[in-house]
Each structure stands twice: as structure tokens, then as C-alpha cells.
Amino acid sequence: MNAFELRTVTPDKLYQRQLLARWREHGVAVDEALALDTGARYVVVEADGGRWRGLIDPRVWLAQTMPALARLASAGCDDTQLLRLLAATHQPLTVPVPDLAYQTLHVVGWEMQPTEALPSLPTSQGRLWLSQLPAGCDVQPQREGPLPPVLVPLTWALGYSWLSLAAVRRVVPGDVLLITTPELRVSSHGVAIGHYVWQQQGILMDTPQFDTPNDTTDMPPLLSRLPVKLEFILQQRVLRLDELRSLYQGQVLPLTHDAERHIEVRANGVCLARGELVQLDEQLGVEISALYPEALHE
């Protein structure tokens, strides 16, 4: 389907990056892949019957939670007693993000060889490495701002009529086609977004008033239904007619270097982002690397 060696992005990895990015937006210092100390021993903990899993260093946890006891046990602490103490503590971890909130935290046991780098975040009781992320979290960023300068094609319809094909074929100049069902409707790409009033001065939108009409950053519900056509541009060139003719005759058009890493994303013709062409399962997609926030304020 394509001539590029594309980087493959799995749905799980995409979800992980989006979830960690949302946590960072809330001020949490999350590492996407942090190696564990091979000289330490880690305990596997499981929240609410498996909603998420993680690893913690129980000795660091003890030092942060009960420093006096940790000093007494520094000469030598029995691993079994340490696990029992951790398991008996009500909510032993204070997690910094709501997505990791839990009712019960079950101590599964020791992780013998933690060699894989895992997502990690700090807690008040030491660092937590996540071997299984919570599923089903909202990963969409909560951004507010003005509407993007996307060009929206609109159609103001007067109404419609039904005719048979035979009647349509008999239409000649001078005939009058009646509008049997008047409907002053506004649509975009076939999606109705409201109605209008036709006056001598022009057209006025006839839509319900919104709760916050003076808030220019809040998108009205009807406008949120507007269809936006996204185009993904591999390359754009201006050619002479003889060059175009050569292409039809089999001439190869050179691609810009690393063209697959600089895909332009246009929304109804307006460039809003750039990114890298990747393969997600069996489909092509563009992983966004740069947005153009300055365009949103024009």
C-alpha cells in the first residue's frame, strides 16, 4: 500500500502516550519509560481486583511512611514482615492522579527480575512503576480557546419537492417547479445545523439562544456537529505542464526527504498540524508532532 518503512503504533501504546500526556497536563511528573534499579527488590501491587498494576520498592515505602521504624529495621528487615506491614496498611499509596484512585490495594508478591522500563510517577510514599495502566480513561485533552479558522461551506435551502423521474425528464425552460415542502434550513456537507429567517435585509439565523452567548470560546452545540474534512498531504509541488505530462508518461517525481515525517494535516483546507505517517493496526494514520496554536488566534 505504501513504499515507506513506517513506524508501527499499537492501540495500547497510543493509549498509554495519550493517558500519560493528560497526567502531565495536570502537573504530574510522569516518565514514559523509566528503568527499575536492578539492585533493588520490588513488590507487585494490584488495585481493585486488577484495574491497574504497579511495582514499588517496599523499603523506600517504609522509609517514607514510617521513617522511625525504617531506621530501626535498617540493619536487617525480614521480607515477610515487610510485606505483611504493607498489606495491612490501609491505602498505602497516595496517588497523584484521579485515574489511579482505588479502594483496596492488594499485595501480589515480589517481582523477581524487573528489567523492562515502565511508565513511572512519584507518590508521597516513593516511586510507582505501572505494569498495567487503568483501562477506559478519558484521554482527550481539555483545551479551551477560540474556534479554529476552519472554512465551513454552508447551504441555505428553501425547501424540497418530490418528483418522479419521468416528470423531471419533461422539465423545459419556462416551467415552474413548486416547493411543496418549505424548510428554511442551513446545512454543511449534508448535516443540518439550524434554520434561518429570510428578510429583506438578508438572512438571520433562527437558532435557540445558548446559556453563555457572550462566551466566544464556547462552541454552540449545533456548531459542534459541523463536519470537518481532514486531508493528509504528503507533498505539494508546482509543476510546469510539460513536467506534468512526463508524469503521465511514467516519469518518477522525487519525494521530499523524510516526506513521511512531515505530513500536513488540513481541516477544510486550513493547515492545522503536521505529523509523522505511522501504521496503526491495518490502517495508516498521522501521529501529530506539531500543532499551530497561532493560527487559532487569527
C-alpha atoms as a PDB file:
ATOM      1  CA  MET A   1       0.000   0.000   0.000  1.00  0.00           C
ATOM      2  CA  ASN A   2       2.923   2.320   0.602  1.00  0.00           C
ATOM      3  CA  ALA A   3       6.634   2.492  -0.158  1.00  0.00           C
ATOM      4  CA  PHE A   4       7.707   3.730   3.258  1.00  0.00           C
ATOM      5  CA  GLU A   5       9.056   1.781   6.188  1.00  0.00           C
ATOM      6  CA  LEU A   6       6.550   3.184   8.641  1.00  0.00           C
ATOM      7  CA  ARG A   7       6.813   3.104  12.396  1.00  0.00           C
ATOM      8  CA  THR A   8       4.091   0.884  13.823  1.00  0.00           C
ATOM      9  CA  VAL A   9       1.930   2.297  16.607  1.00  0.00           C
ATOM     10  CA  THR A  10      -0.234  -0.149  18.547  1.00  0.00           C
ATOM     11  CA  PRO A  11      -3.536   0.965  20.107  1.00  0.00           C
ATOM     12  CA  ASP A  12      -2.141   0.154  23.573  1.00  0.00           C
ATOM     13  CA  LYS A  13       0.945   2.323  23.067  1.00  0.00           C
ATOM     14  CA  LEU A  14      -1.143   5.148  21.651  1.00  0.00           C
ATOM     15  CA  TYR A  15      -3.494   4.972  24.647  1.00  0.00           C
ATOM     16  CA  GLN A  16      -0.502   4.955  27.011  1.00  0.00           C
ATOM     17  CA  ARG A  17       1.050   8.062  25.478  1.00  0.00           C
ATOM     18  CA  GLN A  18      -2.251   9.935  25.476  1.00  0.00           C
ATOM     19  CA  LEU A  19      -3.009   8.990  29.074  1.00  0.00           C
ATOM     20  CA  LEU A  20       0.435   9.975  30.342  1.00  0.00           C
ATOM     21  CA  ALA A  21       0.247  13.244  28.406  1.00  0.00           C
ATOM     22  CA  ARG A  22      -3.047  14.060  30.122  1.00  0.00           C
ATOM     23  CA  TRP A  23      -1.484  13.359  33.523  1.00  0.00           C
ATOM     24  CA  ARG A  24       1.362  15.724  32.662  1.00  0.00           C
ATOM     25  CA  GLU A  25      -1.195  18.415  31.821  1.00  0.00           C
ATOM     26  CA  HIS A  26      -2.342  18.108  35.447  1.00  0.00           C
ATOM     27  CA  GLY A  27       1.192  18.781  36.694  1.00  0.00           C
ATOM     28  CA  VAL A  28       2.315  15.198  37.400  1.00  0.00           C
ATOM     29  CA  ALA A  29       5.941  14.422  36.505  1.00  0.00           C
ATOM     30  CA  VAL A  30       5.363  11.178  34.621  1.00  0.00           C
ATOM     31  CA  ASP A  31       8.163   9.234  32.936  1.00  0.00           C
ATOM     32  CA  GLU A  32       7.025   7.290  29.896  1.00  0.00           C
ATOM     33  CA  ALA A  33       9.671   4.576  30.314  1.00  0.00           C
ATOM     34  CA  LEU A  34      11.867   4.513  33.415  1.00  0.00           C
ATOM     35  CA  ALA A  35      14.159   1.601  34.165  1.00  0.00           C
ATOM     36  CA  LEU A  36      13.991  -0.048  37.559  1.00  0.00           C
ATOM     37  CA  ASP A  37      17.037  -0.443  39.768  1.00  0.00           C
ATOM     38  CA  THR A  38      18.338  -3.959  39.201  1.00  0.00           C
ATOM     39  CA  GLY A  39      19.865  -3.926  42.689  1.00  0.00           C
ATOM     40  CA  ALA A  40      16.538  -3.389  44.428  1.00  0.00           C
ATOM     41  CA  ARG A  41      13.611  -5.716  45.074  1.00  0.00           C
ATOM     42  CA  TYR A  42      10.140  -4.632  44.053  1.00  0.00           C
ATOM     43  CA  VAL A  43       6.674  -5.654  45.151  1.00  0.00           C
ATOM     44  CA  VAL A  44       3.762  -6.031  42.748  1.00  0.00           C
ATOM     45  CA  VAL A  45       0.571  -4.305  43.891  1.00  0.00           C
ATOM     46  CA  GLU A  46      -2.865  -4.571  42.291  1.00  0.00           C
ATOM     47  CA  ALA A  47      -5.672  -2.031  42.648  1.00  0.00           C
ATOM     48  CA  ASP A  48      -9.331  -3.016  42.994  1.00  0.00           C
ATOM     49  CA  GLY A  49      -9.065  -6.524  41.645  1.00  0.00           C
ATOM     50  CA  GLY A  50      -6.823  -5.738  38.693  1.00  0.00           C
ATOM     51  CA  ARG A  51      -7.926  -2.306  37.467  1.00  0.00           C
ATOM     52  CA  TRP A  52      -4.249  -1.385  37.387  1.00  0.00           C
ATOM     53  CA  ARG A  53      -0.983  -2.968  38.472  1.00  0.00           C
ATOM     54  CA  GLY A  54       2.271  -1.481  39.607  1.00  0.00           C
ATOM     55  CA  LEU A  55       5.611  -2.033  41.299  1.00  0.00           C
ATOM     56  CA  ILE A  56       7.022  -0.273  44.347  1.00  0.00           C
ATOM     57  CA  ASP A  57      10.182  -0.569  46.408  1.00  0.00           C
ATOM     58  CA  PRO A  58       8.850  -1.597  49.849  1.00  0.00           C
ATOM     59  CA  ARG A  59      11.937  -0.320  51.677  1.00  0.00           C
ATOM     60  CA  VAL A  60      11.542   3.117  50.136  1.00  0.00           C
ATOM     61  CA  TRP A  61       7.849   2.950  51.017  1.00  0.00           C
ATOM     62  CA  LEU A  62       8.732   2.108  54.645  1.00  0.00           C
ATOM     63  CA  ALA A  63      11.275   4.949  54.846  1.00  0.00           C
ATOM     64  CA  GLN A  64       8.712   7.461  53.552  1.00  0.00           C
ATOM     65  CA  THR A  65       5.762   6.140  55.543  1.00  0.00           C
ATOM     66  CA  MET A  66       7.366   5.147  58.855  1.00  0.00           C
ATOM     67  CA  PRO A  67      10.868   6.678  58.978  1.00  0.00           C
ATOM     68  CA  ALA A  68      11.455   5.802  62.654  1.00  0.00           C
ATOM     69  CA  LEU A  69      10.627   2.139  62.055  1.00  0.00           C
ATOM     70  CA  ALA A  70      12.724   2.148  58.901  1.00  0.00           C
ATOM     71  CA  ARG A  71      15.766   3.321  60.863  1.00  0.00           C
ATOM     72  CA  LEU A  72      15.310   0.552  63.412  1.00  0.00           C
ATOM     73  CA  ALA A  73      14.995  -2.018  60.636  1.00  0.00           C
ATOM     74  CA  SER A  74      17.921  -0.707  58.564  1.00  0.00           C
ATOM     75  CA  ALA A  75      20.306  -3.333  59.918  1.00  0.00           C
ATOM     76  CA  GLY A  76      18.118  -6.102  58.594  1.00  0.00           C
ATOM     77  CA  CYS A  77      14.432  -6.330  57.840  1.00  0.00           C
ATOM     78  CA  ASP A  78      12.551  -9.554  57.305  1.00  0.00           C
ATOM     79  CA  ASP A  79      10.942  -9.531  53.843  1.00  0.00           C
ATOM     80  CA  THR A  80       7.886 -11.433  55.034  1.00  0.00           C
ATOM     81  CA  GLN A  81       7.206  -8.949  57.814  1.00  0.00           C
ATOM     82  CA  LEU A  82       7.718  -6.060  55.393  1.00  0.00           C
ATOM     83  CA  LEU A  83       5.095  -7.476  53.024  1.00  0.00           C
ATOM     84  CA  ARG A  84       2.682  -8.079  55.884  1.00  0.00           C
ATOM     85  CA  LEU A  85       3.102  -4.488  57.052  1.00  0.00           C
ATOM     86  CA  LEU A  86       2.487  -3.179  53.536  1.00  0.00           C
ATOM     87  CA  ALA A  87      -0.574  -5.382  53.073  1.00  0.00           C
ATOM     88  CA  ALA A  88      -2.032  -4.364  56.451  1.00  0.00           C
ATOM     89  CA  THR A  89      -1.749  -0.632  55.747  1.00  0.00           C
ATOM     90  CA  HIS A  90      -4.996   0.998  54.628  1.00  0.00           C
ATOM     91  CA  GLN A  91      -4.403   2.659  51.232  1.00  0.00           C
ATOM     92  CA  PRO A  92      -0.599   2.509  51.456  1.00  0.00           C
ATOM     93  CA  LEU A  93      -0.099   4.733  48.386  1.00  0.00           C
ATOM     94  CA  THR A  94      -1.317   8.273  47.821  1.00  0.00           C
ATOM     95  CA  VAL A  95      -1.619   8.502  44.044  1.00  0.00           C
ATOM     96  CA  PRO A  96      -1.447  11.956  42.411  1.00  0.00           C
ATOM     97  CA  VAL A  97      -3.983  11.384  39.596  1.00  0.00           C
ATOM     98  CA  PRO A  98      -7.720  10.524  39.866  1.00  0.00           C
ATOM     99  CA  ASP A  99      -7.375   7.786  37.237  1.00  0.00           C
ATOM    100  CA  LEU A 100      -5.332   5.745  39.751  1.00  0.00           C
ATOM    101  CA  ALA A 101      -7.682   6.265  42.709  1.00  0.00           C
ATOM    102  CA  TYR A 102      -8.537   2.962  44.396  1.00  0.00           C
ATOM    103  CA  GLN A 103     -10.439   1.398  47.262  1.00  0.00           C
ATOM    104  CA  THR A 104      -8.167  -1.550  48.010  1.00  0.00           C
ATOM    105  CA  LEU A 105      -4.556  -2.238  47.087  1.00  0.00           C
ATOM    106  CA  HIS A 106      -3.643  -5.921  47.101  1.00  0.00           C
ATOM    107  CA  VAL A 107      -0.025  -7.015  47.579  1.00  0.00           C
ATOM    108  CA  VAL A 108       0.569  -9.705  44.946  1.00  0.00           C
ATOM    109  CA  GLY A 109       4.167 -10.593  45.831  1.00  0.00           C
ATOM    110  CA  TRP A 110       7.752  -9.976  44.877  1.00  0.00           C
ATOM    111  CA  GLU A 111       8.785  -9.146  41.302  1.00  0.00           C
ATOM    112  CA  MET A 112      11.920 -11.191  40.843  1.00  0.00           C
ATOM    113  CA  GLN A 113      13.511  -9.678  37.708  1.00  0.00           C
ATOM    114  CA  PRO A 114      12.165  -6.205  36.855  1.00  0.00           C
ATOM    115  CA  THR A 115      14.211  -5.494  33.730  1.00  0.00           C
ATOM    116  CA  GLU A 116      11.694  -3.697  31.477  1.00  0.00           C
ATOM    117  CA  ALA A 117      11.431   0.095  31.611  1.00  0.00           C
ATOM    118  CA  LEU A 118       7.895   1.058  32.634  1.00  0.00           C
ATOM    119  CA  PRO A 119       5.786   4.210  32.960  1.00  0.00           C
ATOM    120  CA  SER A 120       6.541   5.735  36.340  1.00  0.00           C
ATOM    121  CA  LEU A 121       5.325   8.567  38.534  1.00  0.00           C
ATOM    122  CA  PRO A 122       6.191   9.857  42.006  1.00  0.00           C
ATOM    123  CA  THR A 123       3.965   9.399  45.040  1.00  0.00           C
ATOM    124  CA  SER A 124       4.303  10.572  48.625  1.00  0.00           C
ATOM    125  CA  GLN A 125       5.455   7.064  49.558  1.00  0.00           C
ATOM    126  CA  GLY A 126       8.038   6.618  46.796  1.00  0.00           C
ATOM    127  CA  ARG A 127       8.003   5.999  43.082  1.00  0.00           C
ATOM    128  CA  LEU A 128       5.363   3.820  41.428  1.00  0.00           C
ATOM    129  CA  TRP A 129       6.062   1.907  38.215  1.00  0.00           C
ATOM    130  CA  LEU A 130       2.945   0.908  36.266  1.00  0.00           C
ATOM    131  CA  SER A 131       2.998  -2.501  34.615  1.00  0.00           C
ATOM    132  CA  GLN A 132      -0.703  -2.279  33.714  1.00  0.00           C
ATOM    133  CA  LEU A 133      -2.487   1.019  33.116  1.00  0.00           C
ATOM    134  CA  PRO A 134      -6.129   1.575  34.072  1.00  0.00           C
ATOM    135  CA  ALA A 135      -8.363   0.976  31.056  1.00  0.00           C
ATOM    136  CA  GLY A 136     -11.152   3.179  29.754  1.00  0.00           C
ATOM    137  CA  CYS A 137      -9.806   6.533  30.993  1.00  0.00           C
ATOM    138  CA  ASP A 138     -10.668   9.740  29.201  1.00  0.00           C
ATOM    139  CA  VAL A 139      -7.515  10.612  27.277  1.00  0.00           C
ATOM    140  CA  GLN A 140      -8.832  13.630  25.399  1.00  0.00           C
ATOM    141  CA  PRO A 141      -7.083  16.860  26.444  1.00  0.00           C
ATOM    142  CA  GLN A 142      -9.322  19.515  27.972  1.00  0.00           C
ATOM    143  CA  ARG A 143      -8.328  22.558  25.957  1.00  0.00           C
ATOM    144  CA  GLU A 144     -10.253  25.776  25.743  1.00  0.00           C
ATOM    145  CA  GLY A 145      -9.816  28.589  23.299  1.00  0.00           C
ATOM    146  CA  PRO A 146     -11.263  30.289  20.253  1.00  0.00           C
ATOM    147  CA  LEU A 147     -12.681  28.306  17.376  1.00  0.00           C
ATOM    148  CA  PRO A 148     -10.094  27.317  14.751  1.00  0.00           C
ATOM    149  CA  PRO A 149     -10.171  29.271  11.459  1.00  0.00           C
ATOM    150  CA  VAL A 150     -11.633  26.346   9.520  1.00  0.00           C
ATOM    151  CA  LEU A 151     -13.508  27.263   6.350  1.00  0.00           C
ATOM    152  CA  VAL A 152     -17.059  25.878   6.517  1.00  0.00           C
ATOM    153  CA  PRO A 153     -19.148  25.502   3.334  1.00  0.00           C
ATOM    154  CA  LEU A 154     -22.785  26.339   4.131  1.00  0.00           C
ATOM    155  CA  THR A 155     -26.007  25.801   2.193  1.00  0.00           C
ATOM    156  CA  TRP A 156     -29.193  27.798   2.819  1.00  0.00           C
ATOM    157  CA  ALA A 157     -32.083  25.706   1.494  1.00  0.00           C
ATOM    158  CA  LEU A 158     -35.619  26.944   0.816  1.00  0.00           C
ATOM    159  CA  GLY A 159     -37.265  23.536   0.916  1.00  0.00           C
ATOM    160  CA  TYR A 160     -37.783  20.490  -1.260  1.00  0.00           C
ATOM    161  CA  SER A 161     -40.208  18.651  -3.536  1.00  0.00           C
ATOM    162  CA  TRP A 162     -40.528  15.095  -4.768  1.00  0.00           C
ATOM    163  CA  LEU A 163     -40.907  14.392  -8.471  1.00  0.00           C
ATOM    164  CA  SER A 164     -40.906  11.213 -10.474  1.00  0.00           C
ATOM    165  CA  LEU A 165     -38.013  10.625 -12.834  1.00  0.00           C
ATOM    166  CA  ALA A 166     -40.411  10.842 -15.754  1.00  0.00           C
ATOM    167  CA  ALA A 167     -41.614  14.296 -14.595  1.00  0.00           C
ATOM    168  CA  VAL A 168     -38.020  15.504 -14.201  1.00  0.00           C
ATOM    169  CA  ARG A 169     -37.242  14.450 -17.774  1.00  0.00           C
ATOM    170  CA  ARG A 170     -40.179  16.539 -19.041  1.00  0.00           C
ATOM    171  CA  VAL A 171     -38.975  19.798 -17.439  1.00  0.00           C
ATOM    172  CA  VAL A 172     -38.327  22.509 -20.055  1.00  0.00           C
ATOM    173  CA  PRO A 173     -37.398  26.201 -19.815  1.00  0.00           C
ATOM    174  CA  GLY A 174     -40.434  28.230 -18.709  1.00  0.00           C
ATOM    175  CA  ASP A 175     -41.816  25.564 -16.374  1.00  0.00           C
ATOM    176  CA  VAL A 176     -42.308  26.419 -12.686  1.00  0.00           C
ATOM    177  CA  LEU A 177     -41.132  23.863 -10.136  1.00  0.00           C
ATOM    178  CA  LEU A 178     -43.117  24.207  -6.913  1.00  0.00           C
ATOM    179  CA  ILE A 179     -41.505  23.996  -3.477  1.00  0.00           C
ATOM    180  CA  THR A 180     -44.040  21.660  -1.873  1.00  0.00           C
ATOM    181  CA  THR A 181     -42.257  21.441   1.496  1.00  0.00           C
ATOM    182  CA  PRO A 182     -40.843  24.820   2.552  1.00  0.00           C
ATOM    183  CA  GLU A 183     -37.993  24.439   5.041  1.00  0.00           C
ATOM    184  CA  LEU A 184     -35.535  27.241   5.655  1.00  0.00           C
ATOM    185  CA  ARG A 185     -32.654  25.022   6.666  1.00  0.00           C
ATOM    186  CA  VAL A 186     -28.889  25.616   6.985  1.00  0.00           C
ATOM    187  CA  SER A 187     -26.601  22.664   6.368  1.00  0.00           C
ATOM    188  CA  SER A 188     -22.940  21.852   5.836  1.00  0.00           C
ATOM    189  CA  HIS A 189     -21.856  18.789   3.898  1.00  0.00           C
ATOM    190  CA  GLY A 190     -25.423  17.490   4.230  1.00  0.00           C
ATOM    191  CA  VAL A 191     -25.582  17.916   8.023  1.00  0.00           C
ATOM    192  CA  ALA A 192     -28.335  20.256   9.257  1.00  0.00           C
ATOM    193  CA  ILE A 193     -27.037  22.820  11.740  1.00  0.00           C
ATOM    194  CA  GLY A 194     -30.078  25.074  12.135  1.00  0.00           C
ATOM    195  CA  HIS A 195     -32.753  27.184  10.484  1.00  0.00           C
ATOM    196  CA  TYR A 196     -32.828  30.742   9.241  1.00  0.00           C
ATOM    197  CA  VAL A 197     -35.160  33.662   8.646  1.00  0.00           C
ATOM    198  CA  TRP A 198     -35.213  35.314   5.217  1.00  0.00           C
ATOM    199  CA  GLN A 199     -35.786  39.056   5.435  1.00  0.00           C
ATOM    200  CA  GLN A 200     -35.394  41.969   3.048  1.00  0.00           C
ATOM    201  CA  GLN A 201     -32.133  42.954   4.724  1.00  0.00           C
ATOM    202  CA  GLY A 202     -30.708  39.464   4.386  1.00  0.00           C
ATOM    203  CA  ILE A 203     -30.508  36.184   6.284  1.00  0.00           C
ATOM    204  CA  LEU A 204     -30.730  35.787  10.062  1.00  0.00           C
ATOM    205  CA  MET A 205     -30.005  32.540  11.864  1.00  0.00           C
ATOM    206  CA  ASP A 206     -33.055  31.257  13.722  1.00  0.00           C
ATOM    207  CA  THR A 207     -31.471  29.094  16.447  1.00  0.00           C
ATOM    208  CA  PRO A 208     -32.055  28.696  20.203  1.00  0.00           C
ATOM    209  CA  GLN A 209     -30.154  31.043  22.495  1.00  0.00           C
ATOM    210  CA  PHE A 210     -27.236  29.477  24.299  1.00  0.00           C
ATOM    211  CA  ASP A 211     -26.638  29.689  28.030  1.00  0.00           C
ATOM    212  CA  THR A 212     -23.459  31.746  27.563  1.00  0.00           C
ATOM    213  CA  PRO A 213     -23.994  33.834  24.412  1.00  0.00           C
ATOM    214  CA  ASN A 214     -21.124  36.197  25.260  1.00  0.00           C
ATOM    215  CA  ASP A 215     -18.569  33.444  25.681  1.00  0.00           C
ATOM    216  CA  THR A 216     -16.691  33.354  22.377  1.00  0.00           C
ATOM    217  CA  THR A 217     -14.608  30.355  23.455  1.00  0.00           C
ATOM    218  CA  ASP A 218     -17.615  28.083  23.988  1.00  0.00           C
ATOM    219  CA  MET A 219     -18.736  26.238  20.876  1.00  0.00           C
ATOM    220  CA  PRO A 220     -22.533  26.217  20.466  1.00  0.00           C
ATOM    221  CA  PRO A 221     -23.986  22.693  20.377  1.00  0.00           C
ATOM    222  CA  LEU A 222     -25.190  22.980  16.782  1.00  0.00           C
ATOM    223  CA  LEU A 223     -21.798  24.182  15.558  1.00  0.00           C
ATOM    224  CA  SER A 224     -20.098  21.220  17.225  1.00  0.00           C
ATOM    225  CA  ARG A 225     -21.922  19.000  14.708  1.00  0.00           C
ATOM    226  CA  LEU A 226     -20.306  20.694  11.735  1.00  0.00           C
ATOM    227  CA  PRO A 227     -18.480  18.123   9.602  1.00  0.00           C
ATOM    228  CA  VAL A 228     -14.828  18.927   9.038  1.00  0.00           C
ATOM    229  CA  LYS A 229     -12.960  17.257   6.186  1.00  0.00           C
ATOM    230  CA  LEU A 230      -9.413  16.349   7.167  1.00  0.00           C
ATOM    231  CA  GLU A 231      -6.865  15.995   4.384  1.00  0.00           C
ATOM    232  CA  PHE A 232      -3.431  14.484   4.874  1.00  0.00           C
ATOM    233  CA  ILE A 233      -0.911  15.966   2.438  1.00  0.00           C
ATOM    234  CA  LEU A 234       2.221  14.004   1.577  1.00  0.00           C
ATOM    235  CA  GLN A 235       3.745  16.634  -0.701  1.00  0.00           C
ATOM    236  CA  GLN A 236       2.815  19.758  -2.610  1.00  0.00           C
ATOM    237  CA  ARG A 237       4.636  20.936  -5.706  1.00  0.00           C
ATOM    238  CA  VAL A 238       4.098  23.396  -8.544  1.00  0.00           C
ATOM    239  CA  LEU A 239       4.896  21.804 -11.911  1.00  0.00           C
ATOM    240  CA  ARG A 240       5.055  23.006 -15.475  1.00  0.00           C
ATOM    241  CA  LEU A 241       2.668  21.412 -17.960  1.00  0.00           C
ATOM    242  CA  ASP A 242       5.493  19.511 -19.654  1.00  0.00           C
ATOM    243  CA  GLU A 243       6.571  18.118 -16.263  1.00  0.00           C
ATOM    244  CA  LEU A 244       3.009  17.014 -15.571  1.00  0.00           C
ATOM    245  CA  ARG A 245       2.854  15.330 -18.982  1.00  0.00           C
ATOM    246  CA  SER A 246       6.093  13.495 -18.170  1.00  0.00           C
ATOM    247  CA  LEU A 247       4.499  12.103 -15.024  1.00  0.00           C
ATOM    248  CA  TYR A 248       1.685  10.604 -17.104  1.00  0.00           C
ATOM    249  CA  GLN A 249       4.343   9.072 -19.345  1.00  0.00           C
ATOM    250  CA  GLY A 250       5.980   7.238 -16.447  1.00  0.00           C
ATOM    251  CA  GLN A 251       8.424   9.813 -15.106  1.00  0.00           C
ATOM    252  CA  VAL A 252       9.071   9.420 -11.336  1.00  0.00           C
ATOM    253  CA  LEU A 253       8.528  12.507  -9.187  1.00  0.00           C
ATOM    254  CA  PRO A 254      11.137  12.680  -6.387  1.00  0.00           C
ATOM    255  CA  LEU A 255       9.766  12.970  -2.875  1.00  0.00           C
ATOM    256  CA  THR A 256      10.988  15.483  -0.359  1.00  0.00           C
ATOM    257  CA  HIS A 257      13.479  13.973   2.101  1.00  0.00           C
ATOM    258  CA  ASP A 258      11.652  12.366   5.050  1.00  0.00           C
ATOM    259  CA  ALA A 259       8.315  13.279   3.496  1.00  0.00           C
ATOM    260  CA  GLU A 260       6.576  10.640   5.620  1.00  0.00           C
ATOM    261  CA  ARG A 261       7.707  12.504   8.760  1.00  0.00           C
ATOM    262  CA  HIS A 262       6.283  15.844   7.653  1.00  0.00           C
ATOM    263  CA  ILE A 263       2.666  15.112   6.737  1.00  0.00           C
ATOM    264  CA  GLU A 264       0.494  18.228   6.649  1.00  0.00           C
ATOM    265  CA  VAL A 265      -2.986  17.932   8.165  1.00  0.00           C
ATOM    266  CA  ARG A 266      -5.581  20.305   6.716  1.00  0.00           C
ATOM    267  CA  ALA A 267      -9.075  20.889   8.058  1.00  0.00           C
ATOM    268  CA  ASN A 268     -11.383  22.145   5.294  1.00  0.00           C
ATOM    269  CA  GLY A 269      -8.307  23.482   3.541  1.00  0.00           C
ATOM    270  CA  VAL A 270      -6.635  25.135   6.564  1.00  0.00           C
ATOM    271  CA  CYS A 271      -3.317  23.718   7.774  1.00  0.00           C
ATOM    272  CA  LEU A 272      -3.739  22.882  11.461  1.00  0.00           C
ATOM    273  CA  ALA A 273      -0.965  20.397  12.199  1.00  0.00           C
ATOM    274  CA  ARG A 274       1.946  18.309  10.984  1.00  0.00           C
ATOM    275  CA  GLY A 275       2.953  14.816  11.937  1.00  0.00           C
ATOM    276  CA  GLU A 276       4.518  11.503  11.063  1.00  0.00           C
ATOM    277  CA  LEU A 277       2.853   8.845   8.928  1.00  0.00           C
ATOM    278  CA  VAL A 278       2.513   5.678  11.012  1.00  0.00           C
ATOM    279  CA  GLN A 279       0.760   2.329  10.821  1.00  0.00           C
ATOM    280  CA  LEU A 280      -1.906   1.704  13.468  1.00  0.00           C
ATOM    281  CA  ASP A 281      -3.087  -1.891  13.190  1.00  0.00           C
ATOM    282  CA  GLU A 282      -4.012  -2.270   9.497  1.00  0.00           C
ATOM    283  CA  GLN A 283      -4.592   1.435   8.814  1.00  0.00           C
ATOM    284  CA  LEU A 284      -2.438   4.421   8.038  1.00  0.00           C
ATOM    285  CA  GLY A 285      -2.538   7.346  10.435  1.00  0.00           C
ATOM    286  CA  VAL A 286      -0.664  10.523  11.265  1.00  0.00           C
ATOM    287  CA  GLU A 287       0.826  10.966  14.724  1.00  0.00           C
ATOM    288  CA  ILE A 288       0.659  14.679  15.448  1.00  0.00           C
ATOM    289  CA  SER A 289       4.024  16.242  16.259  1.00  0.00           C
ATOM    290  CA  ALA A 290       3.248  19.945  15.830  1.00  0.00           C
ATOM    291  CA  LEU A 291       0.088  21.999  16.189  1.00  0.00           C
ATOM    292  CA  TYR A 292      -0.238  25.600  15.060  1.00  0.00           C
ATOM    293  CA  PRO A 293      -1.827  27.418  18.012  1.00  0.00           C
ATOM    294  CA  GLU A 294      -1.009  30.785  16.457  1.00  0.00           C
ATOM    295  CA  ALA A 295      -3.499  30.004  13.688  1.00  0.00           C
ATOM    296  CA  LEU A 296      -6.234  29.627  16.292  1.00  0.00           C
ATOM    297  CA  HIS A 297      -5.904  33.286  17.281  1.00  0.00           C
ATOM    298  CA  GLU A 298      -6.080  34.805  13.819  1.00  0.00           C
END
